[in-house]
Amino acid sequence: MNLTKNKFTILSAVLSIGVAALAKAAVDNRYKAITGEPAPKNPESDEATFGRVVLYTAITAAVGISAKMLVRKYFTKQWKKMDGDLPKHLR
């Protein structure tokens, strides 16, 4: 298999989207388990306060970004081991 920069970019994007979706689902599940209420996704909702929406959003973003960074780092390391061609900014 020819490990090109374009393939790295495409696979990296697909992994990032997948990990972000899993991280969001995990945060949603944890939020509901801890509070007993569904995750407050809409600041206009009568059930959720603005503060809870901001807190939920901040936690979701932090978990999602952290997970994406870890996966990207691991993916890049494995790509190098397979002698893949990395984009210039990752060399």
PDB file of N, CA and C in Angstrom:
ATOM      1  N   MET A   1       0.850  -1.185   0.000  1.00  0.00           N
ATOM      2  CA  MET A   1       0.000   0.000   0.000  1.00  0.00           C
ATOM      3  C   MET A   1       0.887   1.236   0.000  1.00  0.00           C
ATOM      4  N   ASN A   2       0.595   2.145  -0.875  1.00  0.00           N
ATOM      5  CA  ASN A   2       1.343   3.387  -0.985  1.00  0.00           C
ATOM      6  C   ASN A   2       0.798   4.384   0.041  1.00  0.00           C
ATOM      7  N   LEU A   3       1.606   4.700   1.033  1.00  0.00           N
ATOM      8  CA  LEU A   3       1.173   5.576   2.120  1.00  0.00           C
ATOM      9  C   LEU A   3       1.518   7.023   1.785  1.00  0.00           C
ATOM     10  N   THR A   4       0.575   7.712   1.169  1.00  0.00           N
ATOM     11  CA  THR A   4       0.804   9.077   0.707  1.00  0.00           C
ATOM     12  C   THR A   4       0.285  10.101   1.708  1.00  0.00           C
ATOM     13  N   LYS A   5       0.652  11.355   1.456  1.00  0.00           N
ATOM     14  CA  LYS A   5       0.185  12.463   2.296  1.00  0.00           C
ATOM     15  C   LYS A   5      -1.335  12.599   2.225  1.00  0.00           C
ATOM     16  N   ASN A   6      -1.887  12.418   1.037  1.00  0.00           N
ATOM     17  CA  ASN A   6      -3.344  12.539   0.882  1.00  0.00           C
ATOM     18  C   ASN A   6      -4.086  11.464   1.670  1.00  0.00           C
ATOM     19  N   LYS A   7      -3.585  10.244   1.643  1.00  0.00           N
ATOM     20  CA  LYS A   7      -4.211   9.170   2.406  1.00  0.00           C
ATOM     21  C   LYS A   7      -4.121   9.459   3.903  1.00  0.00           C
ATOM     22  N   PHE A   8      -2.970   9.992   4.339  1.00  0.00           N
ATOM     23  CA  PHE A   8      -2.827  10.355   5.749  1.00  0.00           C
ATOM     24  C   PHE A   8      -3.874  11.392   6.132  1.00  0.00           C
ATOM     25  N   THR A   9      -4.039  12.411   5.303  1.00  0.00           N
ATOM     26  CA  THR A   9      -4.987  13.485   5.597  1.00  0.00           C
ATOM     27  C   THR A   9      -6.417  12.960   5.668  1.00  0.00           C
ATOM     28  N   ILE A  10      -6.783  12.115   4.721  1.00  0.00           N
ATOM     29  CA  ILE A  10      -8.141  11.573   4.690  1.00  0.00           C
ATOM     30  C   ILE A  10      -8.392  10.671   5.896  1.00  0.00           C
ATOM     31  N   LEU A  11      -7.490   9.734   6.166  1.00  0.00           N
ATOM     32  CA  LEU A  11      -7.667   8.830   7.297  1.00  0.00           C
ATOM     33  C   LEU A  11      -7.652   9.578   8.624  1.00  0.00           C
ATOM     34  N   SER A  12      -6.809  10.580   8.727  1.00  0.00           N
ATOM     35  CA  SER A  12      -6.742  11.382   9.944  1.00  0.00           C
ATOM     36  C   SER A  12      -8.052  12.127  10.184  1.00  0.00           C
ATOM     37  N   ALA A  13      -8.637  12.665   9.128  1.00  0.00           N
ATOM     38  CA  ALA A  13      -9.916  13.375   9.247  1.00  0.00           C
ATOM     39  C   ALA A  13     -11.036  12.421   9.649  1.00  0.00           C
ATOM     40  N   VAL A  14     -11.064  11.245   9.047  1.00  0.00           N
ATOM     41  CA  VAL A  14     -12.093  10.251   9.380  1.00  0.00           C
ATOM     42  C   VAL A  14     -11.963   9.819  10.840  1.00  0.00           C
ATOM     43  N   LEU A  15     -10.741   9.561  11.284  1.00  0.00           N
ATOM     44  CA  LEU A  15     -10.526   9.190  12.684  1.00  0.00           C
ATOM     45  C   LEU A  15     -10.941  10.313  13.628  1.00  0.00           C
ATOM     46  N   SER A  16     -10.613  11.544  13.286  1.00  0.00           N
ATOM     47  CA  SER A  16     -10.954  12.690  14.132  1.00  0.00           C
ATOM     48  C   SER A  16     -12.465  12.833  14.287  1.00  0.00           C
ATOM     49  N   ILE A  17     -13.185  12.687  13.194  1.00  0.00           N
ATOM     50  CA  ILE A  17     -14.647  12.793  13.252  1.00  0.00           C
ATOM     51  C   ILE A  17     -15.233  11.666  14.098  1.00  0.00           C
ATOM     52  N   GLY A  18     -14.730  10.464  13.909  1.00  0.00           N
ATOM     53  CA  GLY A  18     -15.218   9.322  14.685  1.00  0.00           C
ATOM     54  C   GLY A  18     -14.942   9.468  16.175  1.00  0.00           C
ATOM     55  N   VAL A  19     -13.736   9.899  16.501  1.00  0.00           N
ATOM     56  CA  VAL A  19     -13.378  10.067  17.909  1.00  0.00           C
ATOM     57  C   VAL A  19     -14.190  11.191  18.541  1.00  0.00           C
ATOM     58  N   ALA A  20     -14.415  12.271  17.811  1.00  0.00           N
ATOM     59  CA  ALA A  20     -15.218  13.375  18.343  1.00  0.00           C
ATOM     60  C   ALA A  20     -16.648  12.914  18.636  1.00  0.00           C
ATOM     61  N   ALA A  21     -17.203  12.112  17.758  1.00  0.00           N
ATOM     62  CA  ALA A  21     -18.565  11.601  17.971  1.00  0.00           C
ATOM     63  C   ALA A  21     -18.619  10.673  19.183  1.00  0.00           C
ATOM     64  N   LEU A  22     -17.618   9.812  19.334  1.00  0.00           N
ATOM     65  CA  LEU A  22     -17.575   8.922  20.497  1.00  0.00           C
ATOM     66  C   LEU A  22     -17.385   9.706  21.793  1.00  0.00           C
ATOM     67  N   ALA A  23     -16.543  10.723  21.757  1.00  0.00           N
ATOM     68  CA  ALA A  23     -16.312  11.544  22.950  1.00  0.00           C
ATOM     69  C   ALA A  23     -17.593  12.265  23.356  1.00  0.00           C
ATOM     70  N   LYS A  24     -18.327  12.796  22.385  1.00  0.00           N
ATOM     71  CA  LYS A  24     -19.581  13.490  22.690  1.00  0.00           C
ATOM     72  C   LYS A  24     -20.595  12.530  23.291  1.00  0.00           C
ATOM     73  N   ALA A  25     -20.691  11.341  22.728  1.00  0.00           N
ATOM     74  CA  ALA A  25     -21.619  10.340  23.268  1.00  0.00           C
ATOM     75  C   ALA A  25     -21.235   9.957  24.691  1.00  0.00           C
ATOM     76  N   ALA A  26     -19.941   9.832  24.948  1.00  0.00           N
ATOM     77  CA  ALA A  26     -19.477   9.487  26.294  1.00  0.00           C
ATOM     78  C   ALA A  26     -19.813  10.593  27.288  1.00  0.00           C
ATOM     79  N   VAL A  27     -19.602  11.842  26.897  1.00  0.00           N
ATOM     80  CA  VAL A  27     -19.935  12.967  27.781  1.00  0.00           C
ATOM     81  C   VAL A  27     -21.441  13.014  28.023  1.00  0.00           C
ATOM     82  N   ASP A  28     -22.237  12.813  26.982  1.00  0.00           N
ATOM     83  CA  ASP A  28     -23.695  12.796  27.139  1.00  0.00           C
ATOM     84  C   ASP A  28     -24.134  11.716  28.144  1.00  0.00           C
ATOM     85  N   ASN A  29     -23.563  10.515  28.003  1.00  0.00           N
ATOM     86  CA  ASN A  29     -23.908   9.416  28.910  1.00  0.00           C
ATOM     87  C   ASN A  29     -23.489   9.710  30.344  1.00  0.00           C
ATOM     88  N   ARG A  30     -22.311  10.232  30.529  1.00  0.00           N
ATOM     89  CA  ARG A  30     -21.812  10.559  31.869  1.00  0.00           C
ATOM     90  C   ARG A  30     -22.650  11.666  32.490  1.00  0.00           C
ATOM     91  N   TYR A  31     -23.008  12.667  31.683  1.00  0.00           N
ATOM     92  CA  TYR A  31     -23.810  13.777  32.209  1.00  0.00           C
ATOM     93  C   TYR A  31     -25.146  13.257  32.729  1.00  0.00           C
ATOM     94  N   LYS A  32     -25.776  12.407  31.942  1.00  0.00           N
ATOM     95  CA  LYS A  32     -27.079  11.865  32.344  1.00  0.00           C
ATOM     96  C   LYS A  32     -26.936  10.965  33.566  1.00  0.00           C
ATOM     97  N   ALA A  33     -25.858  10.171  33.633  1.00  0.00           N
ATOM     98  CA  ALA A  33     -25.648   9.279  34.769  1.00  0.00           C
ATOM     99  C   ALA A  33     -25.390  10.075  36.055  1.00  0.00           C
ATOM    100  N   ILE A  34     -24.680  11.171  35.954  1.00  0.00           N
ATOM    101  CA  ILE A  34     -24.331  11.962  37.131  1.00  0.00           C
ATOM    102  C   ILE A  34     -25.495  12.828  37.600  1.00  0.00           C
ATOM    103  N   THR A  35     -26.160  13.500  36.674  1.00  0.00           N
ATOM    104  CA  THR A  35     -27.211  14.450  37.050  1.00  0.00           C
ATOM    105  C   THR A  35     -28.612  13.853  37.021  1.00  0.00           C
ATOM    106  N   GLY A  36     -28.796  12.774  36.281  1.00  0.00           N
ATOM    107  CA  GLY A  36     -30.124  12.196  36.130  1.00  0.00           C
ATOM    108  C   GLY A  36     -30.989  12.930  35.122  1.00  0.00           C
ATOM    109  N   GLU A  37     -30.420  13.926  34.454  1.00  0.00           N
ATOM    110  CA  GLU A  37     -31.133  14.714  33.442  1.00  0.00           C
ATOM    111  C   GLU A  37     -30.418  14.564  32.103  1.00  0.00           C
ATOM    112  N   PRO A  38     -31.138  14.740  31.015  1.00  0.00           N
ATOM    113  CA  PRO A  38     -30.460  14.694  29.712  1.00  0.00           C
ATOM    114  C   PRO A  38     -29.493  15.877  29.566  1.00  0.00           C
ATOM    115  N   ALA A  39     -28.513  15.701  28.701  1.00  0.00           N
ATOM    116  CA  ALA A  39     -27.520  16.750  28.478  1.00  0.00           C
ATOM    117  C   ALA A  39     -28.192  18.023  27.954  1.00  0.00           C
ATOM    118  N   PRO A  40     -27.831  19.184  28.493  1.00  0.00           N
ATOM    119  CA  PRO A  40     -28.447  20.451  28.077  1.00  0.00           C
ATOM    120  C   PRO A  40     -27.796  20.980  26.808  1.00  0.00           C
ATOM    121  N   LYS A  41     -28.343  20.661  25.673  1.00  0.00           N
ATOM    122  CA  LYS A  41     -27.722  21.025  24.400  1.00  0.00           C
ATOM    123  C   LYS A  41     -28.248  22.335  23.838  1.00  0.00           C
ATOM    124  N   ASN A  42     -29.381  22.806  24.327  1.00  0.00           N
ATOM    125  CA  ASN A  42     -30.005  24.000  23.772  1.00  0.00           C
ATOM    126  C   ASN A  42     -30.138  25.072  24.858  1.00  0.00           C
ATOM    127  N   PRO A  43     -29.470  26.213  24.712  1.00  0.00           N
ATOM    128  CA  PRO A  43     -29.567  27.258  25.732  1.00  0.00           C
ATOM    129  C   PRO A  43     -30.955  27.889  25.814  1.00  0.00           C
ATOM    130  N   GLU A  44     -31.783  27.706  24.801  1.00  0.00           N
ATOM    131  CA  GLU A  44     -33.139  28.262  24.798  1.00  0.00           C
ATOM    132  C   GLU A  44     -34.140  27.362  25.513  1.00  0.00           C
ATOM    133  N   SER A  45     -33.714  26.172  25.893  1.00  0.00           N
ATOM    134  CA  SER A  45     -34.606  25.223  26.548  1.00  0.00           C
ATOM    135  C   SER A  45     -35.001  25.713  27.940  1.00  0.00           C
ATOM    136  N   ASP A  46     -36.235  25.422  28.318  1.00  0.00           N
ATOM    137  CA  ASP A  46     -36.709  25.796  29.651  1.00  0.00           C
ATOM    138  C   ASP A  46     -36.139  24.887  30.731  1.00  0.00           C
ATOM    139  N   GLU A  47     -35.739  23.677  30.370  1.00  0.00           N
ATOM    140  CA  GLU A  47     -35.221  22.716  31.342  1.00  0.00           C
ATOM    141  C   GLU A  47     -33.779  22.981  31.750  1.00  0.00           C
ATOM    142  N   ALA A  48     -33.016  23.705  30.942  1.00  0.00           N
ATOM    143  CA  ALA A  48     -31.596  23.899  31.221  1.00  0.00           C
ATOM    144  C   ALA A  48     -31.273  25.376  31.444  1.00  0.00           C
ATOM    145  N   THR A  49     -30.433  25.619  32.435  1.00  0.00           N
ATOM    146  CA  THR A  49     -29.980  26.989  32.657  1.00  0.00           C
ATOM    147  C   THR A  49     -28.823  27.278  31.704  1.00  0.00           C
ATOM    148  N   PHE A  50     -28.584  28.552  31.501  1.00  0.00           N
ATOM    149  CA  PHE A  50     -27.494  28.957  30.605  1.00  0.00           C
ATOM    150  C   PHE A  50     -26.147  28.447  31.137  1.00  0.00           C
ATOM    151  N   GLY A  51     -25.960  28.500  32.444  1.00  0.00           N
ATOM    152  CA  GLY A  51     -24.717  28.036  33.055  1.00  0.00           C
ATOM    153  C   GLY A  51     -24.460  26.560  32.802  1.00  0.00           C
ATOM    154  N   ARG A  52     -25.520  25.756  32.904  1.00  0.00           N
ATOM    155  CA  ARG A  52     -25.362  24.322  32.649  1.00  0.00           C
ATOM    156  C   ARG A  52     -25.015  24.047  31.183  1.00  0.00           C
ATOM    157  N   VAL A  53     -25.605  24.822  30.291  1.00  0.00           N
ATOM    158  CA  VAL A  53     -25.307  24.644  28.865  1.00  0.00           C
ATOM    159  C   VAL A  53     -23.844  24.997  28.593  1.00  0.00           C
ATOM    160  N   VAL A  54     -23.367  26.088  29.177  1.00  0.00           N
ATOM    161  CA  VAL A  54     -21.973  26.498  28.981  1.00  0.00           C
ATOM    162  C   VAL A  54     -21.026  25.458  29.572  1.00  0.00           C
ATOM    163  N   LEU A  55     -21.329  24.967  30.761  1.00  0.00           N
ATOM    164  CA  LEU A  55     -20.491  23.946  31.395  1.00  0.00           C
ATOM    165  C   LEU A  55     -20.465  22.669  30.563  1.00  0.00           C
ATOM    166  N   TYR A  56     -21.619  22.221  30.108  1.00  0.00           N
ATOM    167  CA  TYR A  56     -21.697  21.021  29.277  1.00  0.00           C
ATOM    168  C   TYR A  56     -20.888  21.195  27.986  1.00  0.00           C
ATOM    169  N   THR A  57     -21.030  22.349  27.360  1.00  0.00           N
ATOM    170  CA  THR A  57     -20.308  22.619  26.115  1.00  0.00           C
ATOM    171  C   THR A  57     -18.798  22.646  26.341  1.00  0.00           C
ATOM    172  N   ALA A  58     -18.368  23.265  27.423  1.00  0.00           N
ATOM    173  CA  ALA A  58     -16.931  23.336  27.723  1.00  0.00           C
ATOM    174  C   ALA A  58     -16.358  21.942  27.988  1.00  0.00           C
ATOM    175  N   ILE A  59     -17.071  21.140  28.740  1.00  0.00           N
ATOM    176  CA  ILE A  59     -16.593  19.780  29.030  1.00  0.00           C
ATOM    177  C   ILE A  59     -16.553  18.945  27.761  1.00  0.00           C
ATOM    178  N   THR A  60     -17.594  19.046  26.944  1.00  0.00           N
ATOM    179  CA  THR A  60     -17.634  18.297  25.689  1.00  0.00           C
ATOM    180  C   THR A  60     -16.471  18.695  24.780  1.00  0.00           C
ATOM    181  N   ALA A  61     -16.212  19.990  24.686  1.00  0.00           N
ATOM    182  CA  ALA A  61     -15.109  20.470  23.841  1.00  0.00           C
ATOM    183  C   ALA A  61     -13.764  19.987  24.372  1.00  0.00           C
ATOM    184  N   ALA A  62     -13.551  20.086  25.663  1.00  0.00           N
ATOM    185  CA  ALA A  62     -12.272  19.671  26.244  1.00  0.00           C
ATOM    186  C   ALA A  62     -12.020  18.175  26.050  1.00  0.00           C
ATOM    187  N   VAL A  63     -13.031  17.373  26.295  1.00  0.00           N
ATOM    188  CA  VAL A  63     -12.887  15.923  26.128  1.00  0.00           C
ATOM    189  C   VAL A  63     -12.682  15.580  24.658  1.00  0.00           C
ATOM    190  N   GLY A  64     -13.454  16.197  23.775  1.00  0.00           N
ATOM    191  CA  GLY A  64     -13.336  15.913  22.344  1.00  0.00           C
ATOM    192  C   GLY A  64     -11.989  16.294  21.778  1.00  0.00           C
ATOM    193  N   ILE A  65     -11.502  17.469  22.130  1.00  0.00           N
ATOM    194  CA  ILE A  65     -10.203  17.925  21.622  1.00  0.00           C
ATOM    195  C   ILE A  65      -9.077  17.063  22.173  1.00  0.00           C
ATOM    196  N   SER A  66      -9.143  16.732  23.453  1.00  0.00           N
ATOM    197  CA  SER A  66      -8.105  15.881  24.046  1.00  0.00           C
ATOM    198  C   SER A  66      -8.066  14.510  23.371  1.00  0.00           C
ATOM    199  N   ALA A  67      -9.222  13.923  23.162  1.00  0.00           N
ATOM    200  CA  ALA A  67      -9.281  12.612  22.510  1.00  0.00           C
ATOM    201  C   ALA A  67      -8.755  12.686  21.083  1.00  0.00           C
ATOM    202  N   LYS A  68      -9.130  13.727  20.354  1.00  0.00           N
ATOM    203  CA  LYS A  68      -8.659  13.873  18.973  1.00  0.00           C
ATOM    204  C   LYS A  68      -7.151  14.040  18.930  1.00  0.00           C
ATOM    205  N   MET A  69      -6.575  14.803  19.869  1.00  0.00           N
ATOM    206  CA  MET A  69      -5.121  14.997  19.889  1.00  0.00           C
ATOM    207  C   MET A  69      -4.396  13.693  20.174  1.00  0.00           C
ATOM    208  N   LEU A  70      -4.900  12.914  21.126  1.00  0.00           N
ATOM    209  CA  LEU A  70      -4.264  11.636  21.443  1.00  0.00           C
ATOM    210  C   LEU A  70      -4.326  10.669  20.266  1.00  0.00           C
ATOM    211  N   VAL A  71      -5.477  10.591  19.629  1.00  0.00           N
ATOM    212  CA  VAL A  71      -5.610   9.702  18.469  1.00  0.00           C
ATOM    213  C   VAL A  71      -4.708  10.166  17.329  1.00  0.00           C
ATOM    214  N   ARG A  72      -4.665  11.465  17.088  1.00  0.00           N
ATOM    215  CA  ARG A  72      -3.819  11.996  16.011  1.00  0.00           C
ATOM    216  C   ARG A  72      -2.349  11.696  16.280  1.00  0.00           C
ATOM    217  N   LYS A  73      -1.923  11.855  17.538  1.00  0.00           N
ATOM    218  CA  LYS A  73      -0.524  11.575  17.888  1.00  0.00           C
ATOM    219  C   LYS A  73      -0.205  10.097  17.663  1.00  0.00           C
ATOM    220  N   TYR A  74      -1.090   9.209  18.141  1.00  0.00           N
ATOM    221  CA  TYR A  74      -0.877   7.779  17.968  1.00  0.00           C
ATOM    222  C   TYR A  74      -0.904   7.396  16.494  1.00  0.00           C
ATOM    223  N   PHE A  75      -1.857   7.945  15.748  1.00  0.00           N
ATOM    224  CA  PHE A  75      -1.971   7.649  14.319  1.00  0.00           C
ATOM    225  C   PHE A  75      -0.714   8.097  13.567  1.00  0.00           C
ATOM    226  N   THR A  76      -0.212   9.282  13.879  1.00  0.00           N
ATOM    227  CA  THR A  76       0.994   9.793  13.228  1.00  0.00           C
ATOM    228  C   THR A  76       2.194   8.896  13.534  1.00  0.00           C
ATOM    229  N   LYS A  77       2.307   8.470  14.778  1.00  0.00           N
ATOM    230  CA  LYS A  77       3.413   7.591  15.179  1.00  0.00           C
ATOM    231  C   LYS A  77       3.360   6.268  14.411  1.00  0.00           C
ATOM    232  N   GLN A  78       2.177   5.679  14.304  1.00  0.00           N
ATOM    233  CA  GLN A  78       2.025   4.423  13.579  1.00  0.00           C
ATOM    234  C   GLN A  78       2.279   4.609  12.082  1.00  0.00           C
ATOM    235  N   TRP A  79       1.854   5.740  11.539  1.00  0.00           N
ATOM    236  CA  TRP A  79       2.065   6.024  10.117  1.00  0.00           C
ATOM    237  C   TRP A  79       3.556   6.097   9.817  1.00  0.00           C
ATOM    238  N   LYS A  80       4.318   6.738  10.714  1.00  0.00           N
ATOM    239  CA  LYS A  80       5.778   6.819  10.537  1.00  0.00           C
ATOM    240  C   LYS A  80       6.416   5.445  10.590  1.00  0.00           C
ATOM    241  N   LYS A  81       5.952   4.588  11.505  1.00  0.00           N
ATOM    242  CA  LYS A  81       6.494   3.232  11.624  1.00  0.00           C
ATOM    243  C   LYS A  81       6.300   2.440  10.339  1.00  0.00           C
ATOM    244  N   MET A  82       5.204   2.705   9.636  1.00  0.00           N
ATOM    245  CA  MET A  82       4.920   1.997   8.388  1.00  0.00           C
ATOM    246  C   MET A  82       5.589   2.695   7.198  1.00  0.00           C
ATOM    247  N   ASP A  83       6.472   3.644   7.486  1.00  0.00           N
ATOM    248  CA  ASP A  83       7.177   4.417   6.455  1.00  0.00           C
ATOM    249  C   ASP A  83       6.236   5.184   5.557  1.00  0.00           C
ATOM    250  N   GLY A  84       5.199   5.715   6.143  1.00  0.00           N
ATOM    251  CA  GLY A  84       4.259   6.538   5.386  1.00  0.00           C
ATOM    252  C   GLY A  84       4.805   7.938   5.185  1.00  0.00           C
ATOM    253  N   ASP A  85       4.359   8.573   4.147  1.00  0.00           N
ATOM    254  CA  ASP A  85       4.769   9.934   3.824  1.00  0.00           C
ATOM    255  C   ASP A  85       3.842  10.900   4.561  1.00  0.00           C
ATOM    256  N   LEU A  86       4.422  11.672   5.474  1.00  0.00           N
ATOM    257  CA  LEU A  86       3.647  12.619   6.284  1.00  0.00           C
ATOM    258  C   LEU A  86       3.571  13.984   5.598  1.00  0.00           C
ATOM    259  N   PRO A  87       2.515  14.738   5.842  1.00  0.00           N
ATOM    260  CA  PRO A  87       2.468  16.124   5.371  1.00  0.00           C
ATOM    261  C   PRO A  87       3.638  16.920   5.945  1.00  0.00           C
ATOM    262  N   LYS A  88       4.055  17.928   5.228  1.00  0.00           N
ATOM    263  CA  LYS A  88       5.264  18.685   5.596  1.00  0.00           C
ATOM    264  C   LYS A  88       5.200  19.246   7.015  1.00  0.00           C
ATOM    265  N   HIS A  89       4.036  19.746   7.435  1.00  0.00           N
ATOM    266  CA  HIS A  89       3.945  20.371   8.751  1.00  0.00           C
ATOM    267  C   HIS A  89       4.048  19.360   9.909  1.00  0.00           C
ATOM    268  N   LEU A  90       4.020  18.064   9.639  1.00  0.00           N
ATOM    269  CA  LEU A  90       4.134  17.059  10.684  1.00  0.00           C
ATOM    270  C   LEU A  90       5.510  16.388  10.726  1.00  0.00           C
ATOM    271  N   ARG A  91       6.398  16.792   9.887  1.00  0.00           N
ATOM    272  CA  ARG A  91       7.733  16.177   9.857  1.00  0.00           C
ATOM    273  C   ARG A  91       8.627  16.746  10.904  1.00  0.00           C
TER     274      ARG A  91
END
